Amino acid sequence: MQIQTATFELSAPDFEGCPESDLTEFAFIGRSNVGKSSLLNMLTRKKDLAVVSSKPGRTRLINFFLINRKWTLVDLPGYGYAKAAGHDRKKFQQIVTDYLLERPNLSCVFVLIDSRHSPQRIDLEFTGWLAESGVPFVLVFTKSDKSKPGAIQANIEQFKEQMVEFFEGEPRIFICSSKTESGRGDLLQFIDQALRAEG
């Protein structure tokens, strides 16, 4: 797949504000500071599509981007931003929950995980909730340029071992780097195949 156009559509403050659309949507989510904005910019090759901030928790809305006028990339608020006020965290959680459970044209959720770290409880809990809720997802291990391949693979194996408690089989896994563009082709191929399967 070649991305020829990537344009911002709108930001929704809640589920009711999401646009009416029949286009297939692919949502991206992860812990704060996992490199989500950088990955979205790398994927579309538009450096300013998603705002990259030095402050975690920048994404507070559901952001919709129209890709090739054929499908939609959805940037969801990150989870686990400890400095957000309690009511803000609840609000973000509700926005994400409503979207993931109620959006009829959502095809797949790309859960971003920092490949430099051993399994984090919050990532495991979130993927466990997705599995329990029947929401289709894949795992994207980010920042692969910052660690040795052996260390990354060890972290991935640990993550898979701990997922056994709530997930049968193995989820689809991608390893990416926004800096080197490693994994970009694999992600786009997966999206392309999903679009073709949905006809």
N, C-alpha and C. Protein backbone atom coordinates (compact mmCIF):
# COMPACT_ATOMS: atom_id res chain seq x y z
N MET A 1 0.84 -1.21 0.00
CA MET A 1 0.00 0.00 0.00
C MET A 1 0.87 1.26 0.00
N GLN A 2 0.46 2.22 -0.82
CA GLN A 2 1.11 3.52 -0.84
C GLN A 2 0.15 4.54 -0.23
N ILE A 3 0.62 5.32 0.73
CA ILE A 3 -0.21 6.39 1.27
C ILE A 3 0.06 7.65 0.46
N GLN A 4 -0.95 8.09 -0.27
CA GLN A 4 -0.81 9.25 -1.14
C GLN A 4 -1.36 10.51 -0.50
N THR A 5 -2.44 10.36 0.26
CA THR A 5 -3.01 11.51 0.96
C THR A 5 -3.34 11.13 2.40
N ALA A 6 -3.07 12.04 3.30
CA ALA A 6 -3.40 11.86 4.72
C ALA A 6 -3.81 13.22 5.26
N THR A 7 -5.09 13.36 5.55
CA THR A 7 -5.60 14.66 5.96
C THR A 7 -6.37 14.56 7.28
N PHE A 8 -6.21 15.57 8.10
CA PHE A 8 -6.94 15.64 9.37
C PHE A 8 -8.42 15.86 9.09
N GLU A 9 -9.25 15.07 9.75
CA GLU A 9 -10.70 15.21 9.56
C GLU A 9 -11.32 16.01 10.70
N LEU A 10 -11.21 15.48 11.92
CA LEU A 10 -11.74 16.21 13.07
C LEU A 10 -11.25 15.58 14.37
N SER A 11 -11.42 16.32 15.47
CA SER A 11 -11.13 15.83 16.82
C SER A 11 -12.44 15.74 17.57
N ALA A 12 -12.71 14.58 18.15
CA ALA A 12 -13.96 14.38 18.88
C ALA A 12 -13.69 14.37 20.39
N PRO A 13 -14.42 15.18 21.16
CA PRO A 13 -14.23 15.21 22.61
C PRO A 13 -14.88 14.04 23.32
N ASP A 14 -15.79 13.36 22.62
CA ASP A 14 -16.49 12.21 23.20
C ASP A 14 -17.02 11.34 22.06
N PHE A 15 -17.61 10.22 22.42
CA PHE A 15 -18.07 9.29 21.40
C PHE A 15 -19.15 9.91 20.51
N GLU A 16 -19.99 10.73 21.11
CA GLU A 16 -21.07 11.36 20.33
C GLU A 16 -20.51 12.30 19.27
N GLY A 17 -19.31 12.78 19.49
CA GLY A 17 -18.71 13.71 18.53
C GLY A 17 -17.99 13.04 17.38
N CYS A 18 -17.91 11.70 17.39
CA CYS A 18 -17.24 11.00 16.31
C CYS A 18 -18.02 11.17 15.01
N PRO A 19 -17.33 11.27 13.88
CA PRO A 19 -18.02 11.52 12.61
C PRO A 19 -18.82 10.31 12.15
N GLU A 20 -19.92 10.57 11.48
CA GLU A 20 -20.67 9.48 10.85
C GLU A 20 -19.88 9.05 9.63
N SER A 21 -19.58 7.77 9.54
CA SER A 21 -18.74 7.28 8.45
C SER A 21 -18.94 5.79 8.23
N ASP A 22 -18.85 5.39 6.96
CA ASP A 22 -18.88 3.97 6.61
C ASP A 22 -17.48 3.46 6.31
N LEU A 23 -16.48 4.34 6.36
CA LEU A 23 -15.13 3.93 6.04
C LEU A 23 -14.52 3.09 7.16
N THR A 24 -13.72 2.11 6.79
CA THR A 24 -13.06 1.26 7.77
C THR A 24 -12.07 2.07 8.59
N GLU A 25 -12.04 1.82 9.90
CA GLU A 25 -11.15 2.57 10.79
C GLU A 25 -10.14 1.65 11.47
N PHE A 26 -8.92 2.15 11.59
CA PHE A 26 -7.85 1.47 12.31
C PHE A 26 -7.39 2.42 13.42
N ALA A 27 -7.51 1.96 14.66
CA ALA A 27 -7.21 2.83 15.80
C ALA A 27 -5.85 2.50 16.40
N PHE A 28 -5.16 3.54 16.85
CA PHE A 28 -3.84 3.40 17.48
C PHE A 28 -3.91 3.94 18.90
N ILE A 29 -3.37 3.13 19.82
CA ILE A 29 -3.41 3.52 21.23
C ILE A 29 -2.19 2.93 21.94
N GLY A 30 -1.81 3.55 23.04
CA GLY A 30 -0.69 3.04 23.82
C GLY A 30 -0.49 3.87 25.07
N ARG A 31 0.39 3.41 25.91
CA ARG A 31 0.75 4.14 27.10
C ARG A 31 1.33 5.50 26.70
N SER A 32 1.15 6.50 27.54
CA SER A 32 1.74 7.80 27.28
C SER A 32 3.25 7.66 27.08
N ASN A 33 3.78 8.40 26.13
CA ASN A 33 5.22 8.42 25.85
C ASN A 33 5.72 7.15 25.16
N VAL A 34 4.82 6.42 24.50
CA VAL A 34 5.22 5.20 23.80
C VAL A 34 5.70 5.50 22.38
N GLY A 35 5.51 6.75 21.94
CA GLY A 35 5.94 7.13 20.60
C GLY A 35 4.85 7.03 19.56
N LYS A 36 3.60 7.19 20.01
CA LYS A 36 2.46 7.03 19.09
C LYS A 36 2.43 8.09 17.99
N SER A 37 2.59 9.33 18.36
CA SER A 37 2.54 10.40 17.35
C SER A 37 3.66 10.24 16.32
N SER A 38 4.84 9.91 16.79
CA SER A 38 5.97 9.72 15.87
C SER A 38 5.69 8.56 14.91
N LEU A 39 5.08 7.49 15.43
CA LEU A 39 4.79 6.34 14.58
C LEU A 39 3.74 6.68 13.53
N LEU A 40 2.72 7.44 13.91
CA LEU A 40 1.68 7.83 12.95
C LEU A 40 2.26 8.71 11.86
N ASN A 41 3.15 9.62 12.23
CA ASN A 41 3.80 10.47 11.24
C ASN A 41 4.71 9.66 10.31
N MET A 42 5.39 8.68 10.87
CA MET A 42 6.25 7.81 10.07
C MET A 42 5.41 6.97 9.11
N LEU A 43 4.30 6.45 9.62
CA LEU A 43 3.44 5.58 8.81
C LEU A 43 2.90 6.33 7.59
N THR A 44 2.49 7.58 7.80
CA THR A 44 1.91 8.38 6.72
C THR A 44 2.96 9.20 5.98
N ARG A 45 4.16 9.27 6.55
CA ARG A 45 5.24 10.11 6.02
C ARG A 45 4.82 11.57 5.93
N LYS A 46 4.04 11.99 6.93
CA LYS A 46 3.70 13.40 7.10
C LYS A 46 4.15 13.80 8.50
N LYS A 47 5.25 14.55 8.58
CA LYS A 47 5.89 14.78 9.87
C LYS A 47 5.05 15.59 10.86
N ASP A 48 4.04 16.31 10.36
CA ASP A 48 3.22 17.11 11.26
C ASP A 48 1.78 16.63 11.36
N LEU A 49 1.52 15.40 10.90
CA LEU A 49 0.14 14.90 10.95
C LEU A 49 -0.34 14.81 12.40
N ALA A 50 0.43 14.13 13.22
CA ALA A 50 0.12 14.04 14.66
C ALA A 50 1.14 14.86 15.42
N VAL A 51 0.69 15.61 16.40
CA VAL A 51 1.58 16.49 17.15
C VAL A 51 2.45 15.68 18.10
N VAL A 52 3.78 15.81 17.94
CA VAL A 52 4.73 15.14 18.83
C VAL A 52 5.07 16.11 19.95
N SER A 53 4.82 15.68 21.17
CA SER A 53 5.06 16.55 22.32
C SER A 53 6.06 15.93 23.28
N SER A 54 6.82 16.79 23.96
CA SER A 54 7.75 16.32 24.98
C SER A 54 7.01 15.99 26.27
N LYS A 55 5.75 16.42 26.35
CA LYS A 55 4.94 16.16 27.54
C LYS A 55 4.01 14.99 27.29
N PRO A 56 4.08 13.94 28.12
CA PRO A 56 3.18 12.79 27.95
C PRO A 56 1.73 13.20 28.13
N GLY A 57 0.83 12.44 27.48
CA GLY A 57 -0.60 12.69 27.67
C GLY A 57 -1.13 13.82 26.82
N ARG A 58 -0.45 14.16 25.74
CA ARG A 58 -0.86 15.28 24.90
C ARG A 58 -2.20 15.00 24.22
N THR A 59 -2.39 13.77 23.75
CA THR A 59 -3.63 13.45 23.04
C THR A 59 -4.77 13.34 24.05
N ARG A 60 -5.72 14.27 23.98
CA ARG A 60 -6.85 14.27 24.89
C ARG A 60 -8.17 14.03 24.18
N LEU A 61 -8.12 13.97 22.85
CA LEU A 61 -9.32 13.79 22.05
C LEU A 61 -9.15 12.58 21.13
N ILE A 62 -10.23 12.17 20.50
CA ILE A 62 -10.14 11.15 19.46
C ILE A 62 -9.92 11.88 18.14
N ASN A 63 -8.76 11.66 17.53
CA ASN A 63 -8.41 12.37 16.30
C ASN A 63 -8.58 11.45 15.09
N PHE A 64 -9.28 11.94 14.08
CA PHE A 64 -9.57 11.16 12.87
C PHE A 64 -8.80 11.73 11.69
N PHE A 65 -8.11 10.83 10.95
CA PHE A 65 -7.36 11.23 9.77
C PHE A 65 -7.81 10.38 8.58
N LEU A 66 -8.18 11.04 7.50
CA LEU A 66 -8.62 10.35 6.30
C LEU A 66 -7.41 9.98 5.44
N ILE A 67 -7.27 8.69 5.14
CA ILE A 67 -6.11 8.19 4.40
C ILE A 67 -6.55 7.73 3.01
N ASN A 68 -5.92 8.30 1.99
CA ASN A 68 -6.21 7.96 0.58
C ASN A 68 -7.69 8.08 0.24
N ARG A 69 -8.41 8.82 1.05
CA ARG A 69 -9.86 9.00 0.88
C ARG A 69 -10.62 7.67 0.92
N LYS A 70 -9.98 6.64 1.49
CA LYS A 70 -10.58 5.31 1.48
C LYS A 70 -10.73 4.69 2.86
N TRP A 71 -9.88 5.07 3.82
CA TRP A 71 -9.99 4.51 5.16
C TRP A 71 -9.54 5.57 6.17
N THR A 72 -9.79 5.29 7.43
CA THR A 72 -9.52 6.28 8.47
C THR A 72 -8.57 5.75 9.53
N LEU A 73 -7.58 6.57 9.85
CA LEU A 73 -6.65 6.29 10.93
C LEU A 73 -7.14 7.07 12.15
N VAL A 74 -7.27 6.39 13.27
CA VAL A 74 -7.82 7.02 14.47
C VAL A 74 -6.77 7.03 15.58
N ASP A 75 -6.47 8.21 16.07
CA ASP A 75 -5.49 8.42 17.13
C ASP A 75 -6.24 8.57 18.46
N LEU A 76 -6.13 7.54 19.31
CA LEU A 76 -6.86 7.54 20.58
C LEU A 76 -6.01 8.11 21.72
N PRO A 77 -6.66 8.68 22.74
CA PRO A 77 -5.90 9.16 23.91
C PRO A 77 -5.11 8.02 24.55
N GLY A 78 -3.89 8.32 24.98
CA GLY A 78 -3.05 7.32 25.62
C GLY A 78 -3.58 6.96 27.00
N TYR A 79 -3.22 5.77 27.46
CA TYR A 79 -3.65 5.37 28.79
C TYR A 79 -2.44 5.40 29.74
N GLY A 80 -2.73 5.58 31.02
CA GLY A 80 -1.66 5.52 32.01
C GLY A 80 -0.92 6.80 32.25
N TYR A 81 -1.53 7.94 31.94
CA TYR A 81 -0.86 9.21 32.22
C TYR A 81 -1.12 9.61 33.66
N ALA A 82 -0.16 9.35 34.52
CA ALA A 82 -0.35 9.49 35.97
C ALA A 82 -0.59 10.92 36.41
N LYS A 83 -0.08 11.91 35.68
CA LYS A 83 -0.19 13.30 36.12
C LYS A 83 -1.53 13.92 35.79
N ALA A 84 -2.35 13.25 35.00
CA ALA A 84 -3.69 13.78 34.71
C ALA A 84 -4.53 13.69 35.98
N ALA A 85 -5.40 14.67 36.16
CA ALA A 85 -6.29 14.66 37.33
C ALA A 85 -7.22 13.45 37.24
N GLY A 86 -7.70 13.00 38.40
CA GLY A 86 -8.52 11.81 38.44
C GLY A 86 -9.72 11.86 37.53
N HIS A 87 -10.44 12.99 37.52
CA HIS A 87 -11.64 13.08 36.68
C HIS A 87 -11.26 13.09 35.21
N ASP A 88 -10.08 13.63 34.88
CA ASP A 88 -9.61 13.62 33.49
C ASP A 88 -9.30 12.19 33.04
N ARG A 89 -8.64 11.43 33.92
CA ARG A 89 -8.33 10.05 33.57
C ARG A 89 -9.60 9.26 33.32
N LYS A 90 -10.60 9.45 34.16
CA LYS A 90 -11.87 8.75 33.99
C LYS A 90 -12.53 9.15 32.68
N LYS A 91 -12.46 10.44 32.35
CA LYS A 91 -13.05 10.93 31.13
C LYS A 91 -12.39 10.29 29.91
N PHE A 92 -11.03 10.26 29.92
CA PHE A 92 -10.31 9.65 28.80
C PHE A 92 -10.67 8.17 28.68
N GLN A 93 -10.73 7.48 29.82
CA GLN A 93 -11.05 6.06 29.81
C GLN A 93 -12.44 5.82 29.23
N GLN A 94 -13.39 6.68 29.57
CA GLN A 94 -14.75 6.52 29.07
C GLN A 94 -14.81 6.76 27.58
N ILE A 95 -14.10 7.79 27.11
CA ILE A 95 -14.06 8.09 25.68
C ILE A 95 -13.53 6.88 24.91
N VAL A 96 -12.41 6.33 25.38
CA VAL A 96 -11.78 5.20 24.71
C VAL A 96 -12.67 3.97 24.76
N THR A 97 -13.24 3.70 25.92
CA THR A 97 -14.12 2.53 26.09
C THR A 97 -15.31 2.61 25.14
N ASP A 98 -15.97 3.76 25.11
CA ASP A 98 -17.14 3.93 24.24
C ASP A 98 -16.76 3.70 22.78
N TYR A 99 -15.63 4.29 22.37
CA TYR A 99 -15.23 4.14 20.98
C TYR A 99 -14.91 2.68 20.65
N LEU A 100 -14.12 2.03 21.48
CA LEU A 100 -13.68 0.66 21.19
C LEU A 100 -14.82 -0.34 21.19
N LEU A 101 -15.81 -0.12 22.05
CA LEU A 101 -16.92 -1.08 22.16
C LEU A 101 -18.09 -0.78 21.24
N GLU A 102 -18.24 0.49 20.85
CA GLU A 102 -19.46 0.88 20.14
C GLU A 102 -19.26 1.28 18.68
N ARG A 103 -18.02 1.49 18.26
CA ARG A 103 -17.80 1.97 16.89
C ARG A 103 -17.95 0.82 15.90
N PRO A 104 -18.98 0.83 15.06
CA PRO A 104 -19.25 -0.33 14.20
C PRO A 104 -18.23 -0.54 13.08
N ASN A 105 -17.56 0.51 12.62
CA ASN A 105 -16.64 0.37 11.49
C ASN A 105 -15.18 0.26 11.92
N LEU A 106 -14.95 0.01 13.22
CA LEU A 106 -13.59 -0.23 13.71
C LEU A 106 -13.14 -1.62 13.28
N SER A 107 -12.03 -1.69 12.55
CA SER A 107 -11.54 -2.98 12.06
C SER A 107 -10.54 -3.60 13.02
N CYS A 108 -9.60 -2.80 13.53
CA CYS A 108 -8.54 -3.35 14.37
C CYS A 108 -7.91 -2.25 15.21
N VAL A 109 -7.46 -2.63 16.39
CA VAL A 109 -6.75 -1.70 17.28
C VAL A 109 -5.27 -2.07 17.29
N PHE A 110 -4.43 -1.10 17.05
CA PHE A 110 -2.99 -1.28 17.12
C PHE A 110 -2.53 -0.81 18.49
N VAL A 111 -2.16 -1.76 19.35
CA VAL A 111 -1.72 -1.43 20.71
C VAL A 111 -0.20 -1.24 20.70
N LEU A 112 0.25 -0.04 20.98
CA LEU A 112 1.68 0.27 20.94
C LEU A 112 2.32 0.01 22.29
N ILE A 113 3.46 -0.68 22.26
CA ILE A 113 4.18 -1.05 23.48
C ILE A 113 5.66 -0.72 23.30
N ASP A 114 6.25 -0.12 24.31
CA ASP A 114 7.66 0.26 24.25
C ASP A 114 8.53 -1.00 24.33
N SER A 115 9.25 -1.28 23.25
CA SER A 115 10.02 -2.52 23.17
C SER A 115 11.21 -2.56 24.12
N ARG A 116 11.56 -1.42 24.73
CA ARG A 116 12.74 -1.36 25.60
C ARG A 116 12.48 -1.94 26.98
N HIS A 117 11.21 -2.15 27.31
CA HIS A 117 10.87 -2.53 28.68
C HIS A 117 10.28 -3.93 28.76
N SER A 118 10.47 -4.55 29.91
CA SER A 118 9.80 -5.81 30.20
C SER A 118 8.30 -5.52 30.34
N PRO A 119 7.46 -6.55 30.30
CA PRO A 119 6.00 -6.32 30.32
C PRO A 119 5.55 -5.41 31.45
N GLN A 120 4.77 -4.40 31.08
CA GLN A 120 4.20 -3.47 32.05
C GLN A 120 2.77 -3.90 32.37
N ARG A 121 2.43 -3.82 33.63
CA ARG A 121 1.11 -4.26 34.08
C ARG A 121 -0.03 -3.57 33.33
N ILE A 122 0.12 -2.28 33.10
CA ILE A 122 -0.96 -1.52 32.46
C ILE A 122 -1.19 -1.98 31.03
N ASP A 123 -0.11 -2.34 30.31
CA ASP A 123 -0.26 -2.85 28.94
C ASP A 123 -0.94 -4.21 28.95
N LEU A 124 -0.55 -5.07 29.89
CA LEU A 124 -1.16 -6.39 29.99
C LEU A 124 -2.64 -6.29 30.35
N GLU A 125 -2.97 -5.39 31.26
CA GLU A 125 -4.36 -5.22 31.67
C GLU A 125 -5.20 -4.72 30.50
N PHE A 126 -4.64 -3.78 29.73
CA PHE A 126 -5.40 -3.23 28.61
C PHE A 126 -5.62 -4.27 27.52
N THR A 127 -4.58 -5.02 27.15
CA THR A 127 -4.75 -6.05 26.13
C THR A 127 -5.67 -7.16 26.62
N GLY A 128 -5.62 -7.44 27.93
CA GLY A 128 -6.53 -8.42 28.51
C GLY A 128 -7.98 -7.98 28.39
N TRP A 129 -8.22 -6.68 28.61
CA TRP A 129 -9.57 -6.13 28.49
C TRP A 129 -10.05 -6.20 27.04
N LEU A 130 -9.17 -5.90 26.10
CA LEU A 130 -9.54 -5.99 24.68
C LEU A 130 -9.94 -7.41 24.32
N ALA A 131 -9.12 -8.38 24.76
CA ALA A 131 -9.41 -9.78 24.46
C ALA A 131 -10.74 -10.20 25.07
N GLU A 132 -10.95 -9.82 26.31
CA GLU A 132 -12.20 -10.18 27.02
C GLU A 132 -13.41 -9.55 26.36
N SER A 133 -13.22 -8.35 25.80
CA SER A 133 -14.33 -7.62 25.18
C SER A 133 -14.54 -8.00 23.73
N GLY A 134 -13.65 -8.84 23.18
CA GLY A 134 -13.80 -9.27 21.80
C GLY A 134 -13.40 -8.22 20.78
N VAL A 135 -12.55 -7.28 21.19
CA VAL A 135 -12.09 -6.24 20.27
C VAL A 135 -10.83 -6.73 19.56
N PRO A 136 -10.82 -6.79 18.23
CA PRO A 136 -9.62 -7.28 17.52
C PRO A 136 -8.45 -6.32 17.68
N PHE A 137 -7.28 -6.88 17.95
CA PHE A 137 -6.11 -6.02 18.14
C PHE A 137 -4.84 -6.74 17.70
N VAL A 138 -3.81 -5.94 17.44
CA VAL A 138 -2.46 -6.44 17.21
C VAL A 138 -1.52 -5.64 18.10
N LEU A 139 -0.32 -6.18 18.32
CA LEU A 139 0.66 -5.50 19.15
C LEU A 139 1.75 -4.89 18.27
N VAL A 140 2.11 -3.65 18.57
CA VAL A 140 3.18 -2.97 17.84
C VAL A 140 4.24 -2.54 18.86
N PHE A 141 5.38 -3.20 18.81
CA PHE A 141 6.47 -2.84 19.72
C PHE A 141 7.30 -1.74 19.09
N THR A 142 7.31 -0.58 19.74
CA THR A 142 7.93 0.62 19.18
C THR A 142 9.37 0.81 19.66
N LYS A 143 10.03 1.80 19.05
CA LYS A 143 11.38 2.24 19.44
C LYS A 143 12.41 1.12 19.34
N SER A 144 12.28 0.31 18.29
CA SER A 144 13.19 -0.84 18.14
C SER A 144 14.63 -0.43 17.84
N ASP A 145 14.82 0.83 17.45
CA ASP A 145 16.19 1.30 17.17
C ASP A 145 16.97 1.59 18.44
N LYS A 146 16.30 1.59 19.58
CA LYS A 146 16.94 1.99 20.82
C LYS A 146 17.45 0.82 21.67
N SER A 147 17.24 -0.41 21.20
CA SER A 147 17.70 -1.59 21.95
C SER A 147 18.26 -2.63 20.99
N LYS A 148 19.00 -3.58 21.52
CA LYS A 148 19.52 -4.67 20.71
C LYS A 148 18.39 -5.65 20.42
N PRO A 149 18.41 -6.26 19.22
CA PRO A 149 17.34 -7.19 18.84
C PRO A 149 17.10 -8.30 19.86
N GLY A 150 18.16 -8.81 20.47
CA GLY A 150 17.99 -9.88 21.45
C GLY A 150 17.20 -9.43 22.66
N ALA A 151 17.46 -8.20 23.11
CA ALA A 151 16.74 -7.65 24.28
C ALA A 151 15.28 -7.42 23.94
N ILE A 152 15.02 -6.93 22.74
CA ILE A 152 13.64 -6.69 22.30
C ILE A 152 12.87 -8.01 22.24
N GLN A 153 13.48 -9.01 21.65
CA GLN A 153 12.83 -10.30 21.51
C GLN A 153 12.54 -10.92 22.87
N ALA A 154 13.45 -10.74 23.82
CA ALA A 154 13.25 -11.26 25.17
C ALA A 154 12.03 -10.60 25.82
N ASN A 155 11.90 -9.29 25.64
CA ASN A 155 10.75 -8.57 26.20
C ASN A 155 9.44 -9.03 25.56
N ILE A 156 9.49 -9.27 24.24
CA ILE A 156 8.30 -9.73 23.53
C ILE A 156 7.89 -11.12 24.01
N GLU A 157 8.86 -12.00 24.18
CA GLU A 157 8.56 -13.36 24.65
C GLU A 157 7.95 -13.33 26.05
N GLN A 158 8.48 -12.46 26.91
CA GLN A 158 7.91 -12.32 28.26
C GLN A 158 6.47 -11.84 28.18
N PHE A 159 6.22 -10.90 27.29
CA PHE A 159 4.88 -10.35 27.14
C PHE A 159 3.91 -11.45 26.68
N LYS A 160 4.34 -12.23 25.70
CA LYS A 160 3.49 -13.32 25.19
C LYS A 160 3.21 -14.36 26.27
N GLU A 161 4.22 -14.66 27.07
CA GLU A 161 4.05 -15.64 28.15
C GLU A 161 2.99 -15.18 29.15
N GLN A 162 3.01 -13.88 29.46
CA GLN A 162 2.06 -13.36 30.44
C GLN A 162 0.67 -13.18 29.85
N MET A 163 0.59 -13.08 28.51
CA MET A 163 -0.72 -12.95 27.86
C MET A 163 -1.49 -14.26 27.85
N VAL A 164 -0.80 -15.37 28.04
CA VAL A 164 -1.43 -16.70 27.98
C VAL A 164 -2.63 -16.78 28.93
N GLU A 165 -2.58 -16.04 30.03
CA GLU A 165 -3.64 -16.09 31.03
C GLU A 165 -5.00 -15.66 30.46
N PHE A 166 -4.99 -14.77 29.46
CA PHE A 166 -6.26 -14.25 28.98
C PHE A 166 -6.42 -14.31 27.46
N PHE A 167 -5.44 -14.86 26.75
CA PHE A 167 -5.50 -14.85 25.29
C PHE A 167 -5.09 -16.21 24.74
N GLU A 168 -5.96 -16.81 23.96
CA GLU A 168 -5.65 -18.10 23.36
C GLU A 168 -4.87 -17.88 22.06
N GLY A 169 -3.81 -18.65 21.88
CA GLY A 169 -2.96 -18.46 20.71
C GLY A 169 -2.04 -17.27 20.91
N GLU A 170 -1.58 -16.70 19.81
CA GLU A 170 -0.70 -15.53 19.88
C GLU A 170 -1.25 -14.41 19.02
N PRO A 171 -1.21 -13.18 19.53
CA PRO A 171 -1.66 -12.05 18.72
C PRO A 171 -0.63 -11.76 17.61
N ARG A 172 -1.06 -11.06 16.60
CA ARG A 172 -0.14 -10.62 15.55
C ARG A 172 0.79 -9.57 16.16
N ILE A 173 2.08 -9.68 15.88
CA ILE A 173 3.07 -8.78 16.49
C ILE A 173 3.90 -8.09 15.40
N PHE A 174 4.08 -6.78 15.57
CA PHE A 174 4.93 -6.00 14.68
C PHE A 174 6.01 -5.31 15.52
N ILE A 175 7.19 -5.15 14.94
CA ILE A 175 8.29 -4.45 15.60
C ILE A 175 8.64 -3.25 14.73
N CYS A 176 8.60 -2.05 15.31
CA CYS A 176 8.74 -0.84 14.51
C CYS A 176 9.71 0.17 15.11
N SER A 177 10.20 1.04 14.25
CA SER A 177 11.00 2.18 14.66
C SER A 177 10.59 3.39 13.83
N SER A 178 10.16 4.44 14.49
CA SER A 178 9.79 5.66 13.76
C SER A 178 11.01 6.32 13.15
N LYS A 179 12.15 6.11 13.78
CA LYS A 179 13.39 6.74 13.31
C LYS A 179 13.90 6.09 12.03
N THR A 180 13.91 4.76 11.98
CA THR A 180 14.47 4.05 10.82
C THR A 180 13.39 3.61 9.82
N GLU A 181 12.13 3.76 10.21
CA GLU A 181 10.97 3.30 9.42
C GLU A 181 10.88 1.78 9.33
N SER A 182 11.62 1.09 10.18
CA SER A 182 11.53 -0.36 10.24
C SER A 182 10.11 -0.76 10.63
N GLY A 183 9.55 -1.72 9.92
CA GLY A 183 8.21 -2.21 10.22
C GLY A 183 7.09 -1.47 9.51
N ARG A 184 7.41 -0.36 8.85
CA ARG A 184 6.37 0.43 8.19
C ARG A 184 5.65 -0.38 7.12
N GLY A 185 6.42 -1.06 6.27
CA GLY A 185 5.83 -1.85 5.20
C GLY A 185 4.93 -2.95 5.72
N ASP A 186 5.33 -3.58 6.83
CA ASP A 186 4.54 -4.67 7.40
C ASP A 186 3.19 -4.15 7.91
N LEU A 187 3.21 -2.99 8.56
CA LEU A 187 1.96 -2.42 9.07
C LEU A 187 1.02 -2.05 7.93
N LEU A 188 1.56 -1.42 6.89
CA LEU A 188 0.72 -1.02 5.76
C LEU A 188 0.18 -2.23 5.01
N GLN A 189 0.99 -3.27 4.92
CA GLN A 189 0.53 -4.50 4.26
C GLN A 189 -0.62 -5.13 5.05
N PHE A 190 -0.50 -5.13 6.36
CA PHE A 190 -1.57 -5.68 7.21
C PHE A 190 -2.86 -4.91 7.01
N ILE A 191 -2.77 -3.56 6.99
CA ILE A 191 -3.94 -2.73 6.79
C ILE A 191 -4.54 -2.99 5.41
N ASP A 192 -3.70 -3.09 4.40
CA ASP A 192 -4.15 -3.34 3.04
C ASP A 192 -4.90 -4.66 2.95
N GLN A 193 -4.36 -5.70 3.59
CA GLN A 193 -5.01 -7.01 3.57
C GLN A 193 -6.35 -6.97 4.29
N ALA A 194 -6.41 -6.22 5.39
CA ALA A 194 -7.67 -6.09 6.13
C ALA A 194 -8.73 -5.39 5.28
N LEU A 195 -8.32 -4.36 4.57
CA LEU A 195 -9.25 -3.63 3.71
C LEU A 195 -9.76 -4.52 2.58
N ARG A 196 -8.87 -5.31 2.00
CA ARG A 196 -9.27 -6.20 0.93
C ARG A 196 -10.24 -7.28 1.44
N ALA A 197 -9.97 -7.77 2.66
CA ALA A 197 -10.83 -8.81 3.24
C ALA A 197 -12.24 -8.30 3.50
N GLU A 198 -12.32 -7.00 3.82
CA GLU A 198 -13.63 -6.42 4.11
C GLU A 198 -14.35 -6.01 2.84
N GLY A 199 -13.61 -6.08 1.72
CA GLY A 199 -14.23 -5.85 0.41
C GLY A 199 -14.54 -4.41 0.12
